[in-house]
Amino acid sequence: NAMNLPPDKARLLRQYDNEKKWELICDQERFQVKNPPHTYIQKLKGYLDPAVTRKKFRRRVQESTQVLRELEISLRTNHIGWVREFLNEENRGLDVLVEYLSFAQYAV
């Protein structure tokens, strides 16, 4: 039972027609985590290089803006365990985010 369903729910699921089952599978895939927290943290840390030239800096701002958008979506839509992992002592996601935002503010 890959979906970790209790027996009564598994019986109910078996009664659904294939179209309904496929719909449930598609819904399940939409809610699966696309990137773990450390992916966003590593990307943000990568943008903290003060030696970047002005031309590269502009491109990095565009790239980092996209990363921040994706991070915002992940923080809103992923399960609480994902958020806790982002914030934990090892990842220090909030610290990295604040550090990046401060760096970006003064680098402009």
PDB file of N, CA and C in Angstrom:
ATOM      1  N   ASN A   1       0.850  -1.184   0.000  1.00  0.00           N
ATOM      2  CA  ASN A   1       0.000   0.000   0.000  1.00  0.00           C
ATOM      3  C   ASN A   1       0.892   1.244   0.000  1.00  0.00           C
ATOM      4  N   ALA A   2       1.226   1.736  -1.189  1.00  0.00           N
ATOM      5  CA  ALA A   2       2.161   2.851  -1.338  1.00  0.00           C
ATOM      6  C   ALA A   2       1.596   4.173  -0.841  1.00  0.00           C
ATOM      7  N   MET A   3       0.289   4.262  -0.704  1.00  0.00           N
ATOM      8  CA  MET A   3      -0.310   5.523  -0.273  1.00  0.00           C
ATOM      9  C   MET A   3      -0.547   5.559   1.231  1.00  0.00           C
ATOM     10  N   ASN A   4      -0.161   4.498   1.932  1.00  0.00           N
ATOM     11  CA  ASN A   4      -0.321   4.432   3.387  1.00  0.00           C
ATOM     12  C   ASN A   4      -1.760   4.687   3.835  1.00  0.00           C
ATOM     13  N   LEU A   5      -2.687   4.018   3.175  1.00  0.00           N
ATOM     14  CA  LEU A   5      -4.102   4.181   3.510  1.00  0.00           C
ATOM     15  C   LEU A   5      -4.543   3.119   4.497  1.00  0.00           C
ATOM     16  N   PRO A   6      -5.450   3.472   5.398  1.00  0.00           N
ATOM     17  CA  PRO A   6      -6.047   2.452   6.258  1.00  0.00           C
ATOM     18  C   PRO A   6      -6.905   1.515   5.400  1.00  0.00           C
ATOM     19  N   PRO A   7      -7.141   0.290   5.864  1.00  0.00           N
ATOM     20  CA  PRO A   7      -7.862  -0.707   5.060  1.00  0.00           C
ATOM     21  C   PRO A   7      -9.216  -0.224   4.531  1.00  0.00           C
ATOM     22  N   ASP A   8      -9.977   0.507   5.347  1.00  0.00           N
ATOM     23  CA  ASP A   8     -11.293   0.951   4.872  1.00  0.00           C
ATOM     24  C   ASP A   8     -11.160   1.948   3.722  1.00  0.00           C
ATOM     25  N   LYS A   9     -10.162   2.816   3.779  1.00  0.00           N
ATOM     26  CA  LYS A   9      -9.938   3.785   2.689  1.00  0.00           C
ATOM     27  C   LYS A   9      -9.415   3.078   1.441  1.00  0.00           C
ATOM     28  N   ALA A  10      -8.574   2.064   1.622  1.00  0.00           N
ATOM     29  CA  ALA A  10      -8.056   1.302   0.485  1.00  0.00           C
ATOM     30  C   ALA A  10      -9.195   0.590  -0.241  1.00  0.00           C
ATOM     31  N   ARG A  11     -10.145   0.021   0.524  1.00  0.00           N
ATOM     32  CA  ARG A  11     -11.313  -0.630  -0.098  1.00  0.00           C
ATOM     33  C   ARG A  11     -12.119   0.373  -0.909  1.00  0.00           C
ATOM     34  N   LEU A  12     -12.322   1.543  -0.333  1.00  0.00           N
ATOM     35  CA  LEU A  12     -13.071   2.593  -1.023  1.00  0.00           C
ATOM     36  C   LEU A  12     -12.357   2.989  -2.317  1.00  0.00           C
ATOM     37  N   LEU A  13     -11.053   3.116  -2.256  1.00  0.00           N
ATOM     38  CA  LEU A  13     -10.271   3.494  -3.428  1.00  0.00           C
ATOM     39  C   LEU A  13     -10.394   2.450  -4.534  1.00  0.00           C
ATOM     40  N   ARG A  14     -10.392   1.174  -4.172  1.00  0.00           N
ATOM     41  CA  ARG A  14     -10.519   0.109  -5.167  1.00  0.00           C
ATOM     42  C   ARG A  14     -11.861   0.160  -5.892  1.00  0.00           C
ATOM     43  N   GLN A  15     -12.866   0.740  -5.270  1.00  0.00           N
ATOM     44  CA  GLN A  15     -14.193   0.817  -5.885  1.00  0.00           C
ATOM     45  C   GLN A  15     -14.285   1.919  -6.944  1.00  0.00           C
ATOM     46  N   TYR A  16     -13.365   2.866  -6.922  1.00  0.00           N
ATOM     47  CA  TYR A  16     -13.399   3.960  -7.897  1.00  0.00           C
ATOM     48  C   TYR A  16     -13.099   3.439  -9.297  1.00  0.00           C
ATOM     49  N   ASP A  17     -13.677   4.107 -10.308  1.00  0.00           N
ATOM     50  CA  ASP A  17     -13.332   3.746 -11.683  1.00  0.00           C
ATOM     51  C   ASP A  17     -11.944   4.318 -12.013  1.00  0.00           C
ATOM     52  N   ASN A  18     -11.383   3.876 -13.130  1.00  0.00           N
ATOM     53  CA  ASN A  18     -10.012   4.266 -13.484  1.00  0.00           C
ATOM     54  C   ASN A  18      -9.858   5.773 -13.675  1.00  0.00           C
ATOM     55  N   GLU A  19     -10.880   6.421 -14.193  1.00  0.00           N
ATOM     56  CA  GLU A  19     -10.806   7.871 -14.397  1.00  0.00           C
ATOM     57  C   GLU A  19     -10.652   8.601 -13.061  1.00  0.00           C
ATOM     58  N   LYS A  20     -11.431   8.178 -12.075  1.00  0.00           N
ATOM     59  CA  LYS A  20     -11.359   8.790 -10.744  1.00  0.00           C
ATOM     60  C   LYS A  20      -9.999   8.501 -10.097  1.00  0.00           C
ATOM     61  N   LYS A  21      -9.491   7.278 -10.267  1.00  0.00           N
ATOM     62  CA  LYS A  21      -8.176   6.928  -9.717  1.00  0.00           C
ATOM     63  C   LYS A  21      -7.082   7.789 -10.346  1.00  0.00           C
ATOM     64  N   TRP A  22      -7.160   7.984 -11.665  1.00  0.00           N
ATOM     65  CA  TRP A  22      -6.161   8.794 -12.351  1.00  0.00           C
ATOM     66  C   TRP A  22      -6.205  10.238 -11.851  1.00  0.00           C
ATOM     67  N   GLU A  23      -7.397  10.752 -11.645  1.00  0.00           N
ATOM     68  CA  GLU A  23      -7.574  12.104 -11.113  1.00  0.00           C
ATOM     69  C   GLU A  23      -6.896  12.234  -9.743  1.00  0.00           C
ATOM     70  N   LEU A  24      -7.067  11.227  -8.906  1.00  0.00           N
ATOM     71  CA  LEU A  24      -6.445  11.240  -7.579  1.00  0.00           C
ATOM     72  C   LEU A  24      -4.916  11.199  -7.677  1.00  0.00           C
ATOM     73  N   ILE A  25      -4.401  10.408  -8.617  1.00  0.00           N
ATOM     74  CA  ILE A  25      -2.948  10.327  -8.811  1.00  0.00           C
ATOM     75  C   ILE A  25      -2.400  11.681  -9.249  1.00  0.00           C
ATOM     76  N   CYS A  26      -3.083  12.321 -10.183  1.00  0.00           N
ATOM     77  CA  CYS A  26      -2.633  13.640 -10.663  1.00  0.00           C
ATOM     78  C   CYS A  26      -2.662  14.665  -9.534  1.00  0.00           C
ATOM     79  N   ASP A  27      -3.697  14.625  -8.709  1.00  0.00           N
ATOM     80  CA  ASP A  27      -3.774  15.531  -7.562  1.00  0.00           C
ATOM     81  C   ASP A  27      -2.611  15.287  -6.608  1.00  0.00           C
ATOM     82  N   GLN A  28      -2.295  14.024  -6.366  1.00  0.00           N
ATOM     83  CA  GLN A  28      -1.202  13.651  -5.460  1.00  0.00           C
ATOM     84  C   GLN A  28       0.127  14.202  -5.970  1.00  0.00           C
ATOM     85  N   GLU A  29       0.371  14.092  -7.289  1.00  0.00           N
ATOM     86  CA  GLU A  29       1.633  14.555  -7.864  1.00  0.00           C
ATOM     87  C   GLU A  29       1.782  16.066  -7.760  1.00  0.00           C
ATOM     88  N   ARG A  30       0.676  16.793  -7.843  1.00  0.00           N
ATOM     89  CA  ARG A  30       0.741  18.254  -7.751  1.00  0.00           C
ATOM     90  C   ARG A  30       1.211  18.712  -6.380  1.00  0.00           C
ATOM     91  N   PHE A  31       0.965  17.902  -5.364  1.00  0.00           N
ATOM     92  CA  PHE A  31       1.301  18.309  -4.004  1.00  0.00           C
ATOM     93  C   PHE A  31       2.616  17.723  -3.503  1.00  0.00           C
ATOM     94  N   GLN A  32       3.334  17.020  -4.375  1.00  0.00           N
ATOM     95  CA  GLN A  32       4.624  16.491  -3.960  1.00  0.00           C
ATOM     96  C   GLN A  32       5.675  17.593  -4.039  1.00  0.00           C
ATOM     97  N   VAL A  33       6.614  17.544  -3.141  1.00  0.00           N
ATOM     98  CA  VAL A  33       7.669  18.554  -3.053  1.00  0.00           C
ATOM     99  C   VAL A  33       8.552  18.469  -4.295  1.00  0.00           C
ATOM    100  N   LYS A  34       8.757  19.614  -4.926  1.00  0.00           N
ATOM    101  CA  LYS A  34       9.590  19.670  -6.131  1.00  0.00           C
ATOM    102  C   LYS A  34      11.072  19.789  -5.764  1.00  0.00           C
ATOM    103  N   ASN A  35      11.390  20.661  -4.822  1.00  0.00           N
ATOM    104  CA  ASN A  35      12.780  20.876  -4.404  1.00  0.00           C
ATOM    105  C   ASN A  35      12.873  20.865  -2.884  1.00  0.00           C
ATOM    106  N   PRO A  36      13.888  20.195  -2.359  1.00  0.00           N
ATOM    107  CA  PRO A  36      14.086  20.235  -0.905  1.00  0.00           C
ATOM    108  C   PRO A  36      14.603  21.611  -0.482  1.00  0.00           C
ATOM    109  N   PRO A  37      14.468  21.966   0.791  1.00  0.00           N
ATOM    110  CA  PRO A  37      14.891  23.287   1.267  1.00  0.00           C
ATOM    111  C   PRO A  37      16.335  23.641   0.926  1.00  0.00           C
ATOM    112  N   HIS A  38      17.244  22.669   1.046  1.00  0.00           N
ATOM    113  CA  HIS A  38      18.663  22.990   0.827  1.00  0.00           C
ATOM    114  C   HIS A  38      18.937  23.463  -0.601  1.00  0.00           C
ATOM    115  N   THR A  39      18.079  23.097  -1.558  1.00  0.00           N
ATOM    116  CA  THR A  39      18.251  23.572  -2.934  1.00  0.00           C
ATOM    117  C   THR A  39      18.145  25.091  -2.991  1.00  0.00           C
ATOM    118  N   TYR A  40      17.114  25.641  -2.361  1.00  0.00           N
ATOM    119  CA  TYR A  40      16.925  27.096  -2.354  1.00  0.00           C
ATOM    120  C   TYR A  40      18.031  27.788  -1.558  1.00  0.00           C
ATOM    121  N   ILE A  41      18.410  27.185  -0.451  1.00  0.00           N
ATOM    122  CA  ILE A  41      19.439  27.775   0.407  1.00  0.00           C
ATOM    123  C   ILE A  41      20.773  27.854  -0.339  1.00  0.00           C
ATOM    124  N   GLN A  42      21.142  26.784  -1.031  1.00  0.00           N
ATOM    125  CA  GLN A  42      22.396  26.780  -1.792  1.00  0.00           C
ATOM    126  C   GLN A  42      22.360  27.820  -2.904  1.00  0.00           C
ATOM    127  N   LYS A  43      21.218  27.937  -3.583  1.00  0.00           N
ATOM    128  CA  LYS A  43      21.110  28.938  -4.653  1.00  0.00           C
ATOM    129  C   LYS A  43      21.270  30.346  -4.090  1.00  0.00           C
ATOM    130  N   LEU A  44      20.603  30.637  -2.981  1.00  0.00           N
ATOM    131  CA  LEU A  44      20.710  31.977  -2.387  1.00  0.00           C
ATOM    132  C   LEU A  44      22.138  32.261  -1.931  1.00  0.00           C
ATOM    133  N   LYS A  45      22.781  31.265  -1.330  1.00  0.00           N
ATOM    134  CA  LYS A  45      24.176  31.450  -0.904  1.00  0.00           C
ATOM    135  C   LYS A  45      25.072  31.739  -2.109  1.00  0.00           C
ATOM    136  N   GLY A  46      24.754  31.122  -3.226  1.00  0.00           N
ATOM    137  CA  GLY A  46      25.532  31.337  -4.446  1.00  0.00           C
ATOM    138  C   GLY A  46      25.445  32.753  -4.976  1.00  0.00           C
ATOM    139  N   TYR A  47      24.381  33.451  -4.633  1.00  0.00           N
ATOM    140  CA  TYR A  47      24.210  34.834  -5.092  1.00  0.00           C
ATOM    141  C   TYR A  47      24.896  35.844  -4.170  1.00  0.00           C
ATOM    142  N   LEU A  48      25.508  35.388  -3.094  1.00  0.00           N
ATOM    143  CA  LEU A  48      26.121  36.292  -2.108  1.00  0.00           C
ATOM    144  C   LEU A  48      27.589  36.611  -2.409  1.00  0.00           C
ATOM    145  N   ASP A  49      27.953  36.670  -3.661  1.00  0.00           N
ATOM    146  CA  ASP A  49      29.343  36.931  -4.036  1.00  0.00           C
ATOM    147  C   ASP A  49      29.528  38.405  -4.379  1.00  0.00           C
ATOM    148  N   PRO A  50      30.244  39.167  -3.545  1.00  0.00           N
ATOM    149  CA  PRO A  50      30.413  40.602  -3.801  1.00  0.00           C
ATOM    150  C   PRO A  50      31.323  40.905  -4.992  1.00  0.00           C
ATOM    151  N   ALA A  51      32.048  39.919  -5.500  1.00  0.00           N
ATOM    152  CA  ALA A  51      32.986  40.145  -6.601  1.00  0.00           C
ATOM    153  C   ALA A  51      32.326  40.059  -7.983  1.00  0.00           C
ATOM    154  N   VAL A  52      31.028  39.891  -8.033  1.00  0.00           N
ATOM    155  CA  VAL A  52      30.324  39.740  -9.307  1.00  0.00           C
ATOM    156  C   VAL A  52      30.319  41.076 -10.061  1.00  0.00           C
ATOM    157  N   THR A  53      30.595  41.014 -11.362  1.00  0.00           N
ATOM    158  CA  THR A  53      30.587  42.239 -12.175  1.00  0.00           C
ATOM    159  C   THR A  53      29.166  42.774 -12.312  1.00  0.00           C
ATOM    160  N   ARG A  54      29.069  44.042 -12.704  1.00  0.00           N
ATOM    161  CA  ARG A  54      27.754  44.691 -12.819  1.00  0.00           C
ATOM    162  C   ARG A  54      26.847  43.955 -13.810  1.00  0.00           C
ATOM    163  N   LYS A  55      27.399  43.541 -14.943  1.00  0.00           N
ATOM    164  CA  LYS A  55      26.608  42.838 -15.955  1.00  0.00           C
ATOM    165  C   LYS A  55      26.091  41.504 -15.403  1.00  0.00           C
ATOM    166  N   LYS A  56      26.982  40.763 -14.780  1.00  0.00           N
ATOM    167  CA  LYS A  56      26.576  39.483 -14.180  1.00  0.00           C
ATOM    168  C   LYS A  56      25.587  39.709 -13.043  1.00  0.00           C
ATOM    169  N   PHE A  57      25.765  40.812 -12.315  1.00  0.00           N
ATOM    170  CA  PHE A  57      24.876  41.098 -11.190  1.00  0.00           C
ATOM    171  C   PHE A  57      23.436  41.257 -11.670  1.00  0.00           C
ATOM    172  N   ARG A  58      23.238  41.967 -12.775  1.00  0.00           N
ATOM    173  CA  ARG A  58      21.871  42.155 -13.302  1.00  0.00           C
ATOM    174  C   ARG A  58      21.230  40.816 -13.643  1.00  0.00           C
ATOM    175  N   ARG A  59      22.004  39.947 -14.288  1.00  0.00           N
ATOM    176  CA  ARG A  59      21.477  38.625 -14.644  1.00  0.00           C
ATOM    177  C   ARG A  59      21.165  37.824 -13.373  1.00  0.00           C
ATOM    178  N   ARG A  60      22.036  37.932 -12.394  1.00  0.00           N
ATOM    179  CA  ARG A  60      21.820  37.214 -11.134  1.00  0.00           C
ATOM    180  C   ARG A  60      20.588  37.714 -10.400  1.00  0.00           C
ATOM    181  N   VAL A  61      20.308  39.001 -10.497  1.00  0.00           N
ATOM    182  CA  VAL A  61      19.104  39.540  -9.856  1.00  0.00           C
ATOM    183  C   VAL A  61      17.866  38.897 -10.472  1.00  0.00           C
ATOM    184  N   GLN A  62      17.855  38.761 -11.798  1.00  0.00           N
ATOM    185  CA  GLN A  62      16.717  38.115 -12.459  1.00  0.00           C
ATOM    186  C   GLN A  62      16.592  36.656 -12.019  1.00  0.00           C
ATOM    187  N   GLU A  63      17.717  35.954 -11.991  1.00  0.00           N
ATOM    188  CA  GLU A  63      17.708  34.548 -11.568  1.00  0.00           C
ATOM    189  C   GLU A  63      17.261  34.419 -10.118  1.00  0.00           C
ATOM    190  N   SER A  64      17.803  35.269  -9.261  1.00  0.00           N
ATOM    191  CA  SER A  64      17.474  35.164  -7.837  1.00  0.00           C
ATOM    192  C   SER A  64      16.023  35.543  -7.573  1.00  0.00           C
ATOM    193  N   THR A  65      15.483  36.455  -8.370  1.00  0.00           N
ATOM    194  CA  THR A  65      14.067  36.808  -8.225  1.00  0.00           C
ATOM    195  C   THR A  65      13.201  35.583  -8.485  1.00  0.00           C
ATOM    196  N   GLN A  66      13.564  34.793  -9.491  1.00  0.00           N
ATOM    197  CA  GLN A  66      12.815  33.569  -9.786  1.00  0.00           C
ATOM    198  C   GLN A  66      12.953  32.568  -8.632  1.00  0.00           C
ATOM    199  N   VAL A  67      14.147  32.442  -8.087  1.00  0.00           N
ATOM    200  CA  VAL A  67      14.372  31.536  -6.948  1.00  0.00           C
ATOM    201  C   VAL A  67      13.520  31.974  -5.758  1.00  0.00           C
ATOM    202  N   LEU A  68      13.470  33.281  -5.504  1.00  0.00           N
ATOM    203  CA  LEU A  68      12.662  33.796  -4.388  1.00  0.00           C
ATOM    204  C   LEU A  68      11.176  33.528  -4.612  1.00  0.00           C
ATOM    205  N   ARG A  69      10.713  33.643  -5.851  1.00  0.00           N
ATOM    206  CA  ARG A  69       9.306  33.325  -6.151  1.00  0.00           C
ATOM    207  C   ARG A  69       9.014  31.858  -5.860  1.00  0.00           C
ATOM    208  N   GLU A  70       9.907  30.989  -6.328  1.00  0.00           N
ATOM    209  CA  GLU A  70       9.719  29.554  -6.098  1.00  0.00           C
ATOM    210  C   GLU A  70       9.777  29.224  -4.607  1.00  0.00           C
ATOM    211  N   LEU A  71      10.691  29.870  -3.896  1.00  0.00           N
ATOM    212  CA  LEU A  71      10.803  29.655  -2.450  1.00  0.00           C
ATOM    213  C   LEU A  71       9.524  30.087  -1.747  1.00  0.00           C
ATOM    214  N   GLU A  72       8.989  31.221  -2.144  1.00  0.00           N
ATOM    215  CA  GLU A  72       7.742  31.720  -1.538  1.00  0.00           C
ATOM    216  C   GLU A  72       6.613  30.715  -1.741  1.00  0.00           C
ATOM    217  N   ILE A  73       6.512  30.161  -2.936  1.00  0.00           N
ATOM    218  CA  ILE A  73       5.477  29.164  -3.221  1.00  0.00           C
ATOM    219  C   ILE A  73       5.712  27.917  -2.375  1.00  0.00           C
ATOM    220  N   SER A  74       6.963  27.484  -2.283  1.00  0.00           N
ATOM    221  CA  SER A  74       7.281  26.293  -1.486  1.00  0.00           C
ATOM    222  C   SER A  74       6.949  26.497  -0.014  1.00  0.00           C
ATOM    223  N   LEU A  75       7.267  27.672   0.509  1.00  0.00           N
ATOM    224  CA  LEU A  75       6.972  27.950   1.923  1.00  0.00           C
ATOM    225  C   LEU A  75       5.465  27.971   2.182  1.00  0.00           C
ATOM    226  N   ARG A  76       4.689  28.406   1.196  1.00  0.00           N
ATOM    227  CA  ARG A  76       3.231  28.471   1.368  1.00  0.00           C
ATOM    228  C   ARG A  76       2.548  27.129   1.168  1.00  0.00           C
ATOM    229  N   THR A  77       3.072  26.307   0.260  1.00  0.00           N
ATOM    230  CA  THR A  77       2.312  25.131  -0.166  1.00  0.00           C
ATOM    231  C   THR A  77       2.847  23.797   0.333  1.00  0.00           C
ATOM    232  N   ASN A  78       4.111  23.719   0.716  1.00  0.00           N
ATOM    233  CA  ASN A  78       4.644  22.444   1.204  1.00  0.00           C
ATOM    234  C   ASN A  78       4.189  22.183   2.636  1.00  0.00           C
ATOM    235  N   HIS A  79       4.295  20.934   3.035  1.00  0.00           N
ATOM    236  CA  HIS A  79       3.890  20.534   4.384  1.00  0.00           C
ATOM    237  C   HIS A  79       4.781  21.200   5.431  1.00  0.00           C
ATOM    238  N   ILE A  80       4.317  21.218   6.654  1.00  0.00           N
ATOM    239  CA  ILE A  80       5.018  21.913   7.742  1.00  0.00           C
ATOM    240  C   ILE A  80       6.413  21.325   7.988  1.00  0.00           C
ATOM    241  N   GLY A  81       6.579  20.043   7.721  1.00  0.00           N
ATOM    242  CA  GLY A  81       7.894  19.420   7.872  1.00  0.00           C
ATOM    243  C   GLY A  81       8.931  20.044   6.946  1.00  0.00           C
ATOM    244  N   TRP A  82       8.501  20.414   5.736  1.00  0.00           N
ATOM    245  CA  TRP A  82       9.392  21.078   4.781  1.00  0.00           C
ATOM    246  C   TRP A  82       9.837  22.426   5.348  1.00  0.00           C
ATOM    247  N   VAL A  83       8.886  23.172   5.886  1.00  0.00           N
ATOM    248  CA  VAL A  83       9.182  24.491   6.460  1.00  0.00           C
ATOM    249  C   VAL A  83      10.124  24.340   7.651  1.00  0.00           C
ATOM    250  N   ARG A  84       9.874  23.356   8.495  1.00  0.00           N
ATOM    251  CA  ARG A  84      10.757  23.128   9.653  1.00  0.00           C
ATOM    252  C   ARG A  84      12.171  22.783   9.203  1.00  0.00           C
ATOM    253  N   GLU A  85      12.264  21.979   8.143  1.00  0.00           N
ATOM    254  CA  GLU A  85      13.588  21.630   7.619  1.00  0.00           C
ATOM    255  C   GLU A  85      14.294  22.877   7.076  1.00  0.00           C
ATOM    256  N   PHE A  86      13.539  23.744   6.407  1.00  0.00           N
ATOM    257  CA  PHE A  86      14.103  25.000   5.896  1.00  0.00           C
ATOM    258  C   PHE A  86      14.656  25.844   7.041  1.00  0.00           C
ATOM    259  N   LEU A  87      13.954  25.859   8.160  1.00  0.00           N
ATOM    260  CA  LEU A  87      14.309  26.713   9.295  1.00  0.00           C
ATOM    261  C   LEU A  87      15.279  26.070  10.284  1.00  0.00           C
ATOM    262  N   ASN A  88      15.540  24.765  10.165  1.00  0.00           N
ATOM    263  CA  ASN A  88      16.306  24.074  11.205  1.00  0.00           C
ATOM    264  C   ASN A  88      17.737  24.602  11.339  1.00  0.00           C
ATOM    265  N   GLU A  89      18.408  24.161  12.402  1.00  0.00           N
ATOM    266  CA  GLU A  89      19.761  24.636  12.735  1.00  0.00           C
ATOM    267  C   GLU A  89      20.763  24.341  11.623  1.00  0.00           C
ATOM    268  N   GLU A  90      20.603  23.212  10.973  1.00  0.00           N
ATOM    269  CA  GLU A  90      21.551  22.830   9.922  1.00  0.00           C
ATOM    270  C   GLU A  90      21.407  23.735   8.694  1.00  0.00           C
ATOM    271  N   ASN A  91      20.175  23.969   8.257  1.00  0.00           N
ATOM    272  CA  ASN A  91      19.944  24.766   7.042  1.00  0.00           C
ATOM    273  C   ASN A  91      19.954  26.272   7.280  1.00  0.00           C
ATOM    274  N   ARG A  92      19.437  26.699   8.449  1.00  0.00           N
ATOM    275  CA  ARG A  92      19.378  28.126   8.779  1.00  0.00           C
ATOM    276  C   ARG A  92      18.764  28.938   7.642  1.00  0.00           C
ATOM    277  N   GLY A  93      17.664  28.434   7.078  1.00  0.00           N
ATOM    278  CA  GLY A  93      17.044  29.062   5.918  1.00  0.00           C
ATOM    279  C   GLY A  93      16.656  30.509   6.120  1.00  0.00           C
ATOM    280  N   LEU A  94      16.098  30.836   7.284  1.00  0.00           N
ATOM    281  CA  LEU A  94      15.696  32.218   7.537  1.00  0.00           C
ATOM    282  C   LEU A  94      16.920  33.136   7.572  1.00  0.00           C
ATOM    283  N   ASP A  95      17.993  32.679   8.218  1.00  0.00           N
ATOM    284  CA  ASP A  95      19.222  33.480   8.280  1.00  0.00           C
ATOM    285  C   ASP A  95      19.784  33.730   6.880  1.00  0.00           C
ATOM    286  N   VAL A  96      19.801  32.683   6.059  1.00  0.00           N
ATOM    287  CA  VAL A  96      20.323  32.813   4.697  1.00  0.00           C
ATOM    288  C   VAL A  96      19.445  33.762   3.883  1.00  0.00           C
ATOM    289  N   LEU A  97      18.138  33.652   4.037  1.00  0.00           N
ATOM    290  CA  LEU A  97      17.213  34.527   3.318  1.00  0.00           C
ATOM    291  C   LEU A  97      17.415  35.991   3.713  1.00  0.00           C
ATOM    292  N   VAL A  98      17.509  36.257   5.008  1.00  0.00           N
ATOM    293  CA  VAL A  98      17.728  37.631   5.486  1.00  0.00           C
ATOM    294  C   VAL A  98      19.090  38.144   5.006  1.00  0.00           C
ATOM    295  N   GLU A  99      20.098  37.293   5.072  1.00  0.00           N
ATOM    296  CA  GLU A  99      21.435  37.681   4.608  1.00  0.00           C
ATOM    297  C   GLU A  99      21.397  38.039   3.123  1.00  0.00           C
ATOM    298  N   TYR A 100      20.707  37.218   2.326  1.00  0.00           N
ATOM    299  CA  TYR A 100      20.605  37.504   0.892  1.00  0.00           C
ATOM    300  C   TYR A 100      19.861  38.815   0.644  1.00  0.00           C
ATOM    301  N   LEU A 101      18.732  39.013   1.315  1.00  0.00           N
ATOM    302  CA  LEU A 101      17.945  40.236   1.105  1.00  0.00           C
ATOM    303  C   LEU A 101      18.737  41.482   1.503  1.00  0.00           C
ATOM    304  N   SER A 102      19.499  41.395   2.590  1.00  0.00           N
ATOM    305  CA  SER A 102      20.341  42.523   3.007  1.00  0.00           C
ATOM    306  C   SER A 102      21.430  42.789   1.976  1.00  0.00           C
ATOM    307  N   PHE A 103      22.060  41.730   1.508  1.00  0.00           N
ATOM    308  CA  PHE A 103      23.109  41.845   0.489  1.00  0.00           C
ATOM    309  C   PHE A 103      22.542  42.476  -0.780  1.00  0.00           C
ATOM    310  N   ALA A 104      21.397  41.984  -1.232  1.00  0.00           N
ATOM    311  CA  ALA A 104      20.789  42.487  -2.468  1.00  0.00           C
ATOM    312  C   ALA A 104      20.396  43.952  -2.333  1.00  0.00           C
ATOM    313  N   GLN A 105      19.909  44.336  -1.169  1.00  0.00           N
ATOM    314  CA  GLN A 105      19.490  45.719  -0.943  1.00  0.00           C
ATOM    315  C   GLN A 105      20.674  46.677  -1.091  1.00  0.00           C
ATOM    316  N   TYR A 106      21.822  46.307  -0.541  1.00  0.00           N
ATOM    317  CA  TYR A 106      22.985  47.195  -0.574  1.00  0.00           C
ATOM    318  C   TYR A 106      23.795  47.058  -1.857  1.00  0.00           C
ATOM    319  N   ALA A 107      23.598  45.976  -2.584  1.00  0.00           N
ATOM    320  CA  ALA A 107      24.360  45.758  -3.817  1.00  0.00           C
ATOM    321  C   ALA A 107      23.768  46.526  -4.993  1.00  0.00           C
ATOM    322  N   VAL A 108      22.536  46.962  -4.877  1.00  0.00           N
ATOM    323  CA  VAL A 108      21.855  47.642  -5.996  1.00  0.00           C
ATOM    324  C   VAL A 108      22.349  49.061  -6.151  1.00  0.00           C
TER     325      VAL A 108
END
